Amino acid sequence: MRTILEGAARVLEERGLAGYTTNAVAERAGVSVGSVYQYFPGKDALTASLVNRETGLLVEAVRAATAAATPGHGLRLIVRAAVAHQMARPRLALLLDREESRLQLAESLDAVTRAITDAILALLARFEPAPPVEPETAAGDLFALLRGMVDAAGERGERDRGALEHRVLRAVFGYLGLPQEMPQAAQAIARRRPKG
């Protein structure tokens, strides 16, 4: 099944939606068309499974971010995960976003929304003093901001992860009225500098 899903991902990346057929997926995966249908009753079911695979990777990374040493670093990790999800396989991410909407995969969309919103809420609860925004509202707004910026960058075909990550972080920390925490590498350099 993993081979078929990866074959489907490759076909989407290489041929787009026009060339995305079960025959093409079977050929790319090196299996018979019957094997594809053994696991997936049709192309839409195959696409839904591919969406679930890709969003599952994002959800896993986002949940791990709640264990970060500081809440600011946790927010950075969430932004990094969302940007990486979009940029690792940009054409695939863009096409799956479109297919997710077409297939009305509410369960998949809800799972991602809940995972990211819950992770943001958990991190906001750790800020001291608390940000000047009600936590549930802030989590919803930050999810919308994050998704909107990352998806728009994907639509534009952006490829610079660092630049996108920087812009999203500025927006996230700015929304919360907080200064951006220095990245860990910059903190290490600052600690090594002689004073005076």
N, C-alpha and C. Protein backbone atom coordinates (compact mmCIF):
# COMPACT_ATOMS: atom_id res chain seq x y z
N MET A 1 0.82 -1.20 0.00
CA MET A 1 0.00 0.00 0.00
C MET A 1 0.87 1.26 0.00
N ARG A 2 1.97 1.26 0.80
CA ARG A 2 2.86 2.42 0.81
C ARG A 2 3.45 2.71 -0.56
N THR A 3 3.78 1.62 -1.27
CA THR A 3 4.34 1.78 -2.62
C THR A 3 3.32 2.41 -3.56
N ILE A 4 2.08 2.04 -3.42
CA ILE A 4 1.02 2.61 -4.27
C ILE A 4 0.81 4.08 -3.94
N LEU A 5 0.79 4.42 -2.64
CA LEU A 5 0.62 5.82 -2.26
C LEU A 5 1.77 6.68 -2.78
N GLU A 6 2.98 6.15 -2.65
CA GLU A 6 4.13 6.92 -3.16
C GLU A 6 4.07 7.02 -4.67
N GLY A 7 3.61 5.96 -5.34
CA GLY A 7 3.43 6.03 -6.79
C GLY A 7 2.42 7.11 -7.16
N ALA A 8 1.33 7.18 -6.40
CA ALA A 8 0.32 8.22 -6.64
C ALA A 8 0.92 9.61 -6.45
N ALA A 9 1.72 9.78 -5.41
CA ALA A 9 2.35 11.07 -5.15
C ALA A 9 3.25 11.46 -6.31
N ARG A 10 4.03 10.51 -6.80
CA ARG A 10 4.96 10.78 -7.92
C ARG A 10 4.21 11.13 -9.19
N VAL A 11 3.13 10.42 -9.46
CA VAL A 11 2.35 10.71 -10.66
C VAL A 11 1.77 12.12 -10.57
N LEU A 12 1.24 12.49 -9.43
CA LEU A 12 0.71 13.85 -9.27
C LEU A 12 1.80 14.89 -9.49
N GLU A 13 2.96 14.66 -8.91
CA GLU A 13 4.06 15.62 -9.06
C GLU A 13 4.53 15.71 -10.52
N GLU A 14 4.62 14.58 -11.18
CA GLU A 14 5.19 14.55 -12.52
C GLU A 14 4.19 14.88 -13.63
N ARG A 15 2.93 14.44 -13.46
CA ARG A 15 1.96 14.58 -14.54
C ARG A 15 0.79 15.49 -14.22
N GLY A 16 0.66 15.89 -12.96
CA GLY A 16 -0.46 16.74 -12.57
C GLY A 16 -1.77 15.96 -12.55
N LEU A 17 -2.85 16.67 -12.32
CA LEU A 17 -4.16 16.03 -12.22
C LEU A 17 -4.60 15.41 -13.55
N ALA A 18 -4.20 16.01 -14.66
CA ALA A 18 -4.60 15.50 -15.97
C ALA A 18 -4.04 14.09 -16.21
N GLY A 19 -2.84 13.82 -15.73
CA GLY A 19 -2.22 12.52 -15.95
C GLY A 19 -2.36 11.56 -14.79
N TYR A 20 -3.15 11.95 -13.81
CA TYR A 20 -3.31 11.16 -12.58
C TYR A 20 -4.42 10.14 -12.78
N THR A 21 -4.04 8.93 -13.17
CA THR A 21 -5.00 7.85 -13.37
C THR A 21 -4.53 6.63 -12.58
N THR A 22 -5.44 5.71 -12.34
CA THR A 22 -5.04 4.50 -11.62
C THR A 22 -4.05 3.69 -12.44
N ASN A 23 -4.16 3.72 -13.75
CA ASN A 23 -3.19 3.02 -14.60
C ASN A 23 -1.80 3.62 -14.45
N ALA A 24 -1.73 4.96 -14.45
CA ALA A 24 -0.44 5.63 -14.30
C ALA A 24 0.15 5.35 -12.92
N VAL A 25 -0.69 5.33 -11.90
CA VAL A 25 -0.22 5.05 -10.54
C VAL A 25 0.32 3.62 -10.45
N ALA A 26 -0.41 2.68 -11.02
CA ALA A 26 0.03 1.28 -11.00
C ALA A 26 1.38 1.14 -11.71
N GLU A 27 1.50 1.78 -12.86
CA GLU A 27 2.76 1.71 -13.61
C GLU A 27 3.91 2.30 -12.80
N ARG A 28 3.67 3.46 -12.21
CA ARG A 28 4.73 4.14 -11.44
C ARG A 28 5.10 3.35 -10.19
N ALA A 29 4.12 2.70 -9.58
CA ALA A 29 4.36 1.92 -8.36
C ALA A 29 4.93 0.53 -8.67
N GLY A 30 4.86 0.13 -9.94
CA GLY A 30 5.37 -1.19 -10.32
C GLY A 30 4.45 -2.32 -9.89
N VAL A 31 3.14 -2.05 -9.90
CA VAL A 31 2.15 -3.07 -9.53
C VAL A 31 1.08 -3.12 -10.61
N SER A 32 0.23 -4.11 -10.52
CA SER A 32 -0.88 -4.19 -11.47
C SER A 32 -2.00 -3.24 -11.06
N VAL A 33 -2.84 -2.89 -12.01
CA VAL A 33 -3.99 -2.03 -11.70
C VAL A 33 -4.89 -2.75 -10.69
N GLY A 34 -4.97 -4.06 -10.81
CA GLY A 34 -5.77 -4.84 -9.86
C GLY A 34 -5.28 -4.67 -8.43
N SER A 35 -3.96 -4.54 -8.26
CA SER A 35 -3.40 -4.32 -6.92
C SER A 35 -3.83 -2.97 -6.37
N VAL A 36 -3.88 -1.98 -7.24
CA VAL A 36 -4.34 -0.65 -6.81
C VAL A 36 -5.78 -0.76 -6.30
N TYR A 37 -6.62 -1.43 -7.09
CA TYR A 37 -8.03 -1.57 -6.72
C TYR A 37 -8.25 -2.50 -5.53
N GLN A 38 -7.28 -3.33 -5.27
CA GLN A 38 -7.37 -4.20 -4.08
C GLN A 38 -7.38 -3.36 -2.81
N TYR A 39 -6.60 -2.27 -2.82
CA TYR A 39 -6.50 -1.40 -1.64
C TYR A 39 -7.42 -0.19 -1.71
N PHE A 40 -7.70 0.29 -2.92
CA PHE A 40 -8.46 1.53 -3.09
C PHE A 40 -9.57 1.30 -4.11
N PRO A 41 -10.83 1.55 -3.75
CA PRO A 41 -11.94 1.29 -4.68
C PRO A 41 -11.94 2.22 -5.89
N GLY A 42 -11.20 3.30 -5.83
CA GLY A 42 -11.15 4.23 -6.96
C GLY A 42 -10.11 5.31 -6.71
N LYS A 43 -9.98 6.17 -7.70
CA LYS A 43 -8.97 7.23 -7.63
C LYS A 43 -9.23 8.19 -6.47
N ASP A 44 -10.49 8.51 -6.20
CA ASP A 44 -10.78 9.43 -5.10
C ASP A 44 -10.38 8.85 -3.75
N ALA A 45 -10.60 7.54 -3.58
CA ALA A 45 -10.19 6.89 -2.32
C ALA A 45 -8.67 6.89 -2.19
N LEU A 46 -7.99 6.68 -3.31
CA LEU A 46 -6.53 6.74 -3.32
C LEU A 46 -6.06 8.14 -2.94
N THR A 47 -6.68 9.15 -3.52
CA THR A 47 -6.32 10.54 -3.22
C THR A 47 -6.58 10.86 -1.76
N ALA A 48 -7.71 10.42 -1.22
CA ALA A 48 -8.03 10.67 0.19
C ALA A 48 -6.98 10.03 1.09
N SER A 49 -6.54 8.83 0.77
CA SER A 49 -5.50 8.17 1.57
C SER A 49 -4.18 8.92 1.48
N LEU A 50 -3.88 9.45 0.31
CA LEU A 50 -2.65 10.23 0.13
C LEU A 50 -2.72 11.53 0.94
N VAL A 51 -3.87 12.18 0.94
CA VAL A 51 -4.07 13.38 1.76
C VAL A 51 -3.85 13.03 3.23
N ASN A 52 -4.44 11.93 3.68
CA ASN A 52 -4.29 11.51 5.09
C ASN A 52 -2.84 11.22 5.43
N ARG A 53 -2.11 10.59 4.51
CA ARG A 53 -0.69 10.31 4.76
C ARG A 53 0.09 11.61 4.94
N GLU A 54 -0.10 12.53 4.02
CA GLU A 54 0.66 13.78 4.06
C GLU A 54 0.28 14.65 5.26
N THR A 55 -1.01 14.76 5.55
CA THR A 55 -1.41 15.59 6.70
C THR A 55 -1.03 14.92 8.01
N GLY A 56 -0.98 13.60 8.02
CA GLY A 56 -0.55 12.88 9.23
C GLY A 56 0.88 13.23 9.62
N LEU A 57 1.74 13.40 8.63
CA LEU A 57 3.13 13.79 8.90
C LEU A 57 3.18 15.18 9.52
N LEU A 58 2.36 16.09 9.01
CA LEU A 58 2.30 17.44 9.56
C LEU A 58 1.78 17.42 11.00
N VAL A 59 0.70 16.70 11.23
CA VAL A 59 0.10 16.63 12.56
C VAL A 59 1.10 16.07 13.58
N GLU A 60 1.84 15.06 13.18
CA GLU A 60 2.84 14.46 14.07
C GLU A 60 3.91 15.49 14.47
N ALA A 61 4.39 16.26 13.51
CA ALA A 61 5.42 17.28 13.79
C ALA A 61 4.86 18.39 14.67
N VAL A 62 3.62 18.77 14.43
CA VAL A 62 2.99 19.84 15.21
C VAL A 62 2.81 19.40 16.67
N ARG A 63 2.35 18.19 16.87
CA ARG A 63 2.15 17.69 18.23
C ARG A 63 3.47 17.62 18.99
N ALA A 64 4.53 17.25 18.31
CA ALA A 64 5.85 17.18 18.95
C ALA A 64 6.33 18.56 19.40
N ALA A 65 5.87 19.61 18.73
CA ALA A 65 6.30 20.97 19.05
C ALA A 65 5.86 21.41 20.44
N THR A 66 4.81 20.81 20.98
CA THR A 66 4.33 21.22 22.30
C THR A 66 5.31 20.85 23.41
N ALA A 67 6.26 19.97 23.13
CA ALA A 67 7.25 19.57 24.13
C ALA A 67 8.50 20.45 24.09
N ALA A 68 8.47 21.50 23.29
CA ALA A 68 9.64 22.39 23.18
C ALA A 68 9.97 23.02 24.53
N ALA A 69 11.24 23.37 24.70
CA ALA A 69 11.71 23.94 25.97
C ALA A 69 10.99 25.23 26.33
N THR A 70 10.70 26.06 25.34
CA THR A 70 9.99 27.31 25.59
C THR A 70 8.78 27.39 24.67
N PRO A 71 7.74 28.11 25.06
CA PRO A 71 6.57 28.23 24.17
C PRO A 71 6.91 28.95 22.86
N GLY A 72 7.81 29.90 22.93
CA GLY A 72 8.23 30.60 21.71
C GLY A 72 8.90 29.66 20.74
N HIS A 73 9.74 28.79 21.28
CA HIS A 73 10.40 27.81 20.41
C HIS A 73 9.36 26.82 19.85
N GLY A 74 8.37 26.47 20.65
CA GLY A 74 7.31 25.60 20.17
C GLY A 74 6.55 26.21 19.00
N LEU A 75 6.26 27.51 19.10
CA LEU A 75 5.60 28.19 17.98
C LEU A 75 6.48 28.18 16.74
N ARG A 76 7.77 28.37 16.94
CA ARG A 76 8.72 28.30 15.81
C ARG A 76 8.66 26.92 15.15
N LEU A 77 8.62 25.89 15.98
CA LEU A 77 8.59 24.52 15.43
C LEU A 77 7.31 24.26 14.65
N ILE A 78 6.20 24.80 15.12
CA ILE A 78 4.94 24.64 14.38
C ILE A 78 5.03 25.34 13.03
N VAL A 79 5.55 26.56 13.03
CA VAL A 79 5.71 27.29 11.77
C VAL A 79 6.65 26.53 10.85
N ARG A 80 7.77 26.06 11.39
CA ARG A 80 8.74 25.30 10.58
C ARG A 80 8.08 24.06 9.99
N ALA A 81 7.27 23.35 10.77
CA ALA A 81 6.60 22.14 10.28
C ALA A 81 5.63 22.47 9.15
N ALA A 82 4.86 23.54 9.31
CA ALA A 82 3.90 23.92 8.27
C ALA A 82 4.60 24.34 6.99
N VAL A 83 5.67 25.10 7.12
CA VAL A 83 6.43 25.54 5.95
C VAL A 83 7.09 24.33 5.28
N ALA A 84 7.68 23.45 6.07
CA ALA A 84 8.33 22.26 5.51
C ALA A 84 7.32 21.38 4.80
N HIS A 85 6.13 21.25 5.37
CA HIS A 85 5.07 20.45 4.75
C HIS A 85 4.74 20.99 3.36
N GLN A 86 4.68 22.30 3.24
CA GLN A 86 4.35 22.93 1.96
C GLN A 86 5.51 22.86 0.98
N MET A 87 6.72 23.06 1.49
CA MET A 87 7.87 23.22 0.61
C MET A 87 8.61 21.92 0.26
N ALA A 88 8.43 20.87 1.07
CA ALA A 88 9.16 19.63 0.81
C ALA A 88 8.78 19.06 -0.56
N ARG A 89 7.51 19.07 -0.85
CA ARG A 89 7.00 18.59 -2.13
C ARG A 89 5.93 19.58 -2.58
N PRO A 90 6.36 20.75 -3.04
CA PRO A 90 5.41 21.86 -3.27
C PRO A 90 4.31 21.55 -4.27
N ARG A 91 4.64 20.90 -5.35
CA ARG A 91 3.60 20.59 -6.35
C ARG A 91 2.58 19.61 -5.77
N LEU A 92 3.07 18.62 -5.06
CA LEU A 92 2.17 17.66 -4.43
C LEU A 92 1.27 18.34 -3.41
N ALA A 93 1.85 19.19 -2.57
CA ALA A 93 1.07 19.90 -1.54
C ALA A 93 -0.03 20.75 -2.18
N LEU A 94 0.32 21.45 -3.25
CA LEU A 94 -0.64 22.32 -3.93
C LEU A 94 -1.79 21.50 -4.52
N LEU A 95 -1.45 20.42 -5.21
CA LEU A 95 -2.49 19.60 -5.84
C LEU A 95 -3.36 18.89 -4.79
N LEU A 96 -2.75 18.43 -3.71
CA LEU A 96 -3.54 17.77 -2.67
C LEU A 96 -4.45 18.76 -1.95
N ASP A 97 -4.00 20.01 -1.78
CA ASP A 97 -4.88 21.03 -1.20
C ASP A 97 -6.14 21.20 -2.07
N ARG A 98 -5.93 21.23 -3.37
CA ARG A 98 -7.07 21.39 -4.28
C ARG A 98 -7.98 20.17 -4.24
N GLU A 99 -7.39 19.00 -4.23
CA GLU A 99 -8.18 17.77 -4.19
C GLU A 99 -8.92 17.61 -2.86
N GLU A 100 -8.27 18.05 -1.79
CA GLU A 100 -8.90 17.99 -0.47
C GLU A 100 -10.19 18.80 -0.46
N SER A 101 -10.15 19.97 -1.09
CA SER A 101 -11.35 20.81 -1.19
C SER A 101 -12.38 20.16 -2.10
N ARG A 102 -11.94 19.66 -3.25
CA ARG A 102 -12.87 19.05 -4.21
C ARG A 102 -13.58 17.84 -3.61
N LEU A 103 -12.83 17.03 -2.89
CA LEU A 103 -13.40 15.82 -2.31
C LEU A 103 -14.13 16.08 -1.00
N GLN A 104 -14.05 17.33 -0.53
CA GLN A 104 -14.70 17.73 0.72
C GLN A 104 -14.31 16.79 1.86
N LEU A 105 -13.01 16.69 2.07
CA LEU A 105 -12.48 15.81 3.11
C LEU A 105 -12.49 16.53 4.45
N ALA A 106 -13.69 16.77 4.96
CA ALA A 106 -13.86 17.54 6.19
C ALA A 106 -13.13 16.90 7.36
N GLU A 107 -13.13 15.58 7.43
CA GLU A 107 -12.48 14.90 8.55
C GLU A 107 -10.98 15.17 8.57
N SER A 108 -10.37 15.14 7.40
CA SER A 108 -8.93 15.42 7.29
C SER A 108 -8.63 16.87 7.65
N LEU A 109 -9.44 17.78 7.10
CA LEU A 109 -9.26 19.21 7.39
C LEU A 109 -9.45 19.49 8.88
N ASP A 110 -10.48 18.88 9.46
CA ASP A 110 -10.76 19.08 10.89
C ASP A 110 -9.62 18.55 11.76
N ALA A 111 -9.05 17.41 11.38
CA ALA A 111 -7.96 16.83 12.17
C ALA A 111 -6.75 17.75 12.19
N VAL A 112 -6.41 18.31 11.05
CA VAL A 112 -5.27 19.22 10.98
C VAL A 112 -5.57 20.50 11.76
N THR A 113 -6.77 21.04 11.56
CA THR A 113 -7.14 22.26 12.28
C THR A 113 -7.08 22.03 13.79
N ARG A 114 -7.66 20.92 14.25
CA ARG A 114 -7.66 20.62 15.69
C ARG A 114 -6.25 20.44 16.22
N ALA A 115 -5.42 19.69 15.50
CA ALA A 115 -4.06 19.42 15.97
C ALA A 115 -3.26 20.70 16.11
N ILE A 116 -3.32 21.55 15.10
CA ILE A 116 -2.54 22.78 15.15
C ILE A 116 -3.10 23.74 16.19
N THR A 117 -4.42 23.88 16.22
CA THR A 117 -5.05 24.78 17.20
C THR A 117 -4.77 24.31 18.63
N ASP A 118 -4.89 23.01 18.88
CA ASP A 118 -4.62 22.47 20.22
C ASP A 118 -3.16 22.68 20.62
N ALA A 119 -2.25 22.48 19.67
CA ALA A 119 -0.83 22.69 19.96
C ALA A 119 -0.55 24.16 20.28
N ILE A 120 -1.14 25.06 19.53
CA ILE A 120 -0.96 26.49 19.79
C ILE A 120 -1.54 26.84 21.15
N LEU A 121 -2.72 26.32 21.47
CA LEU A 121 -3.33 26.58 22.78
C LEU A 121 -2.43 26.09 23.91
N ALA A 122 -1.86 24.91 23.76
CA ALA A 122 -0.98 24.36 24.80
C ALA A 122 0.25 25.25 24.99
N LEU A 123 0.77 25.79 23.91
CA LEU A 123 1.94 26.67 24.01
C LEU A 123 1.56 28.03 24.60
N LEU A 124 0.42 28.57 24.19
CA LEU A 124 -0.01 29.86 24.72
C LEU A 124 -0.21 29.80 26.24
N ALA A 125 -0.65 28.66 26.73
CA ALA A 125 -0.87 28.50 28.18
C ALA A 125 0.45 28.58 28.96
N ARG A 126 1.56 28.37 28.28
CA ARG A 126 2.86 28.39 28.94
C ARG A 126 3.54 29.77 28.92
N PHE A 127 3.01 30.71 28.14
CA PHE A 127 3.63 32.04 28.10
C PHE A 127 3.43 32.76 29.42
N GLU A 128 4.49 33.40 29.90
CA GLU A 128 4.41 34.23 31.11
C GLU A 128 5.10 35.56 30.83
N PRO A 129 4.41 36.67 30.95
CA PRO A 129 2.97 36.77 31.20
C PRO A 129 2.20 36.31 29.96
N ALA A 130 0.93 36.02 30.19
CA ALA A 130 0.08 35.54 29.10
C ALA A 130 -0.03 36.60 28.01
N PRO A 131 -0.07 36.19 26.75
CA PRO A 131 -0.27 37.16 25.66
C PRO A 131 -1.59 37.90 25.85
N PRO A 132 -1.66 39.13 25.35
CA PRO A 132 -2.85 39.96 25.58
C PRO A 132 -4.02 39.62 24.66
N VAL A 133 -4.21 38.35 24.36
CA VAL A 133 -5.31 37.90 23.50
C VAL A 133 -5.91 36.66 24.15
N GLU A 134 -7.23 36.55 24.15
CA GLU A 134 -7.91 35.38 24.72
C GLU A 134 -7.41 34.13 23.99
N PRO A 135 -6.99 33.09 24.73
CA PRO A 135 -6.30 31.94 24.11
C PRO A 135 -7.04 31.26 22.97
N GLU A 136 -8.33 30.96 23.12
CA GLU A 136 -9.04 30.26 22.05
C GLU A 136 -9.12 31.11 20.79
N THR A 137 -9.37 32.40 20.97
CA THR A 137 -9.40 33.32 19.82
C THR A 137 -8.03 33.39 19.18
N ALA A 138 -7.00 33.53 20.00
CA ALA A 138 -5.63 33.63 19.48
C ALA A 138 -5.25 32.37 18.71
N ALA A 139 -5.58 31.21 19.24
CA ALA A 139 -5.23 29.96 18.57
C ALA A 139 -5.92 29.85 17.21
N GLY A 140 -7.19 30.22 17.16
CA GLY A 140 -7.91 30.19 15.89
C GLY A 140 -7.35 31.19 14.89
N ASP A 141 -7.06 32.39 15.36
CA ASP A 141 -6.48 33.41 14.48
C ASP A 141 -5.11 33.00 13.98
N LEU A 142 -4.29 32.44 14.88
CA LEU A 142 -2.94 32.05 14.47
C LEU A 142 -2.97 30.89 13.48
N PHE A 143 -3.90 29.97 13.66
CA PHE A 143 -4.04 28.89 12.69
C PHE A 143 -4.40 29.46 11.32
N ALA A 144 -5.37 30.38 11.30
CA ALA A 144 -5.80 30.99 10.03
C ALA A 144 -4.66 31.76 9.38
N LEU A 145 -3.90 32.48 10.19
CA LEU A 145 -2.77 33.25 9.68
C LEU A 145 -1.72 32.32 9.09
N LEU A 146 -1.37 31.28 9.84
CA LEU A 146 -0.37 30.32 9.41
C LEU A 146 -0.79 29.62 8.11
N ARG A 147 -1.99 29.09 8.12
CA ARG A 147 -2.46 28.37 6.93
C ARG A 147 -2.57 29.30 5.73
N GLY A 148 -3.12 30.48 5.95
CA GLY A 148 -3.28 31.43 4.85
C GLY A 148 -1.96 31.82 4.22
N MET A 149 -0.97 32.16 5.04
CA MET A 149 0.33 32.58 4.50
C MET A 149 1.04 31.43 3.79
N VAL A 150 1.02 30.25 4.40
CA VAL A 150 1.74 29.11 3.82
C VAL A 150 1.06 28.65 2.54
N ASP A 151 -0.26 28.55 2.55
CA ASP A 151 -0.97 28.13 1.34
C ASP A 151 -0.81 29.15 0.21
N ALA A 152 -0.85 30.43 0.55
CA ALA A 152 -0.68 31.46 -0.48
C ALA A 152 0.71 31.39 -1.09
N ALA A 153 1.71 31.12 -0.26
CA ALA A 153 3.08 30.98 -0.78
C ALA A 153 3.16 29.79 -1.73
N GLY A 154 2.46 28.70 -1.38
CA GLY A 154 2.43 27.54 -2.26
C GLY A 154 1.75 27.85 -3.58
N GLU A 155 0.66 28.59 -3.54
CA GLU A 155 -0.05 28.99 -4.77
C GLU A 155 0.84 29.84 -5.66
N ARG A 156 1.68 30.69 -5.04
CA ARG A 156 2.58 31.55 -5.82
C ARG A 156 3.82 30.80 -6.32
N GLY A 157 4.02 29.59 -5.83
CA GLY A 157 5.18 28.81 -6.25
C GLY A 157 6.46 29.19 -5.53
N GLU A 158 6.35 29.76 -4.34
CA GLU A 158 7.56 30.12 -3.59
C GLU A 158 8.34 28.88 -3.22
N ARG A 159 9.67 29.02 -3.16
CA ARG A 159 10.53 27.88 -2.83
C ARG A 159 11.50 28.17 -1.69
N ASP A 160 11.56 29.41 -1.24
CA ASP A 160 12.51 29.80 -0.20
C ASP A 160 11.90 29.57 1.18
N ARG A 161 12.24 28.44 1.78
CA ARG A 161 11.68 28.08 3.10
C ARG A 161 12.01 29.13 4.16
N GLY A 162 13.27 29.52 4.19
CA GLY A 162 13.72 30.46 5.22
C GLY A 162 12.97 31.77 5.17
N ALA A 163 12.79 32.31 3.98
CA ALA A 163 12.10 33.60 3.84
C ALA A 163 10.64 33.47 4.29
N LEU A 164 9.99 32.40 3.88
CA LEU A 164 8.59 32.21 4.28
C LEU A 164 8.48 32.00 5.78
N GLU A 165 9.35 31.17 6.32
CA GLU A 165 9.33 30.92 7.76
C GLU A 165 9.51 32.24 8.53
N HIS A 166 10.44 33.07 8.08
CA HIS A 166 10.70 34.35 8.74
C HIS A 166 9.46 35.25 8.71
N ARG A 167 8.80 35.33 7.56
CA ARG A 167 7.61 36.18 7.45
C ARG A 167 6.49 35.68 8.35
N VAL A 168 6.28 34.37 8.36
CA VAL A 168 5.20 33.82 9.17
C VAL A 168 5.50 34.03 10.65
N LEU A 169 6.75 33.84 11.05
CA LEU A 169 7.11 34.06 12.46
C LEU A 169 6.89 35.52 12.86
N ARG A 170 7.26 36.45 11.99
CA ARG A 170 7.02 37.86 12.29
C ARG A 170 5.54 38.12 12.50
N ALA A 171 4.71 37.52 11.66
CA ALA A 171 3.27 37.71 11.78
C ALA A 171 2.73 37.08 13.06
N VAL A 172 3.19 35.87 13.39
CA VAL A 172 2.72 35.17 14.59
C VAL A 172 3.09 35.93 15.85
N PHE A 173 4.38 36.27 15.98
CA PHE A 173 4.82 36.97 17.19
C PHE A 173 4.25 38.39 17.24
N GLY A 174 4.13 39.02 16.08
CA GLY A 174 3.53 40.36 16.02
C GLY A 174 2.07 40.34 16.47
N TYR A 175 1.33 39.34 16.02
CA TYR A 175 -0.07 39.22 16.42
C TYR A 175 -0.19 39.10 17.93
N LEU A 176 0.71 38.35 18.53
CA LEU A 176 0.67 38.15 19.98
C LEU A 176 1.25 39.33 20.75
N GLY A 177 1.79 40.32 20.03
CA GLY A 177 2.39 41.46 20.70
C GLY A 177 3.66 41.10 21.43
N LEU A 178 4.35 40.10 20.93
CA LEU A 178 5.57 39.62 21.58
C LEU A 178 6.77 39.84 20.68
N PRO A 179 7.93 40.10 21.29
CA PRO A 179 9.14 40.17 20.45
C PRO A 179 9.48 38.76 19.98
N GLN A 180 10.05 38.66 18.79
CA GLN A 180 10.49 37.35 18.33
C GLN A 180 11.64 36.89 19.20
N GLU A 181 11.56 35.64 19.64
CA GLU A 181 12.69 35.07 20.37
C GLU A 181 13.82 34.85 19.38
N MET A 182 15.05 35.04 19.86
CA MET A 182 16.17 34.77 18.99
C MET A 182 16.24 33.27 18.70
N PRO A 183 16.54 32.89 17.45
CA PRO A 183 16.75 31.47 17.19
C PRO A 183 17.88 30.94 18.06
N GLN A 184 17.87 29.65 18.33
CA GLN A 184 18.87 29.06 19.22
C GLN A 184 20.29 29.33 18.76
N ALA A 185 20.54 29.28 17.46
CA ALA A 185 21.90 29.52 16.96
C ALA A 185 22.34 30.94 17.30
N ALA A 186 21.44 31.91 17.14
CA ALA A 186 21.78 33.30 17.45
C ALA A 186 22.01 33.47 18.95
N GLN A 187 21.23 32.76 19.78
CA GLN A 187 21.44 32.82 21.23
C GLN A 187 22.81 32.28 21.59
N ALA A 188 23.23 31.19 20.97
CA ALA A 188 24.54 30.61 21.26
C ALA A 188 25.65 31.56 20.88
N ILE A 189 25.52 32.23 19.73
CA ILE A 189 26.54 33.20 19.31
C ILE A 189 26.59 34.36 20.27
N ALA A 190 25.41 34.86 20.68
CA ALA A 190 25.36 36.00 21.60
C ALA A 190 26.01 35.63 22.94
N ARG A 191 25.84 34.40 23.42
CA ARG A 191 26.45 33.99 24.69
C ARG A 191 27.96 33.89 24.60
N ARG A 192 28.48 33.58 23.40
CA ARG A 192 29.93 33.42 23.25
C ARG A 192 30.65 34.74 23.08
N ARG A 193 29.92 35.79 22.71
CA ARG A 193 30.57 37.11 22.50
C ARG A 193 31.09 37.66 23.80
N PRO A 194 32.33 38.21 23.78
CA PRO A 194 32.84 38.83 25.01
C PRO A 194 32.07 40.12 25.28
N LYS A 195 31.82 40.37 26.55
CA LYS A 195 31.07 41.57 26.94
C LYS A 195 32.06 42.72 27.12
N GLY A 196 31.59 43.92 26.74
CA GLY A 196 32.37 45.13 26.95
C GLY A 196 33.37 45.27 25.92
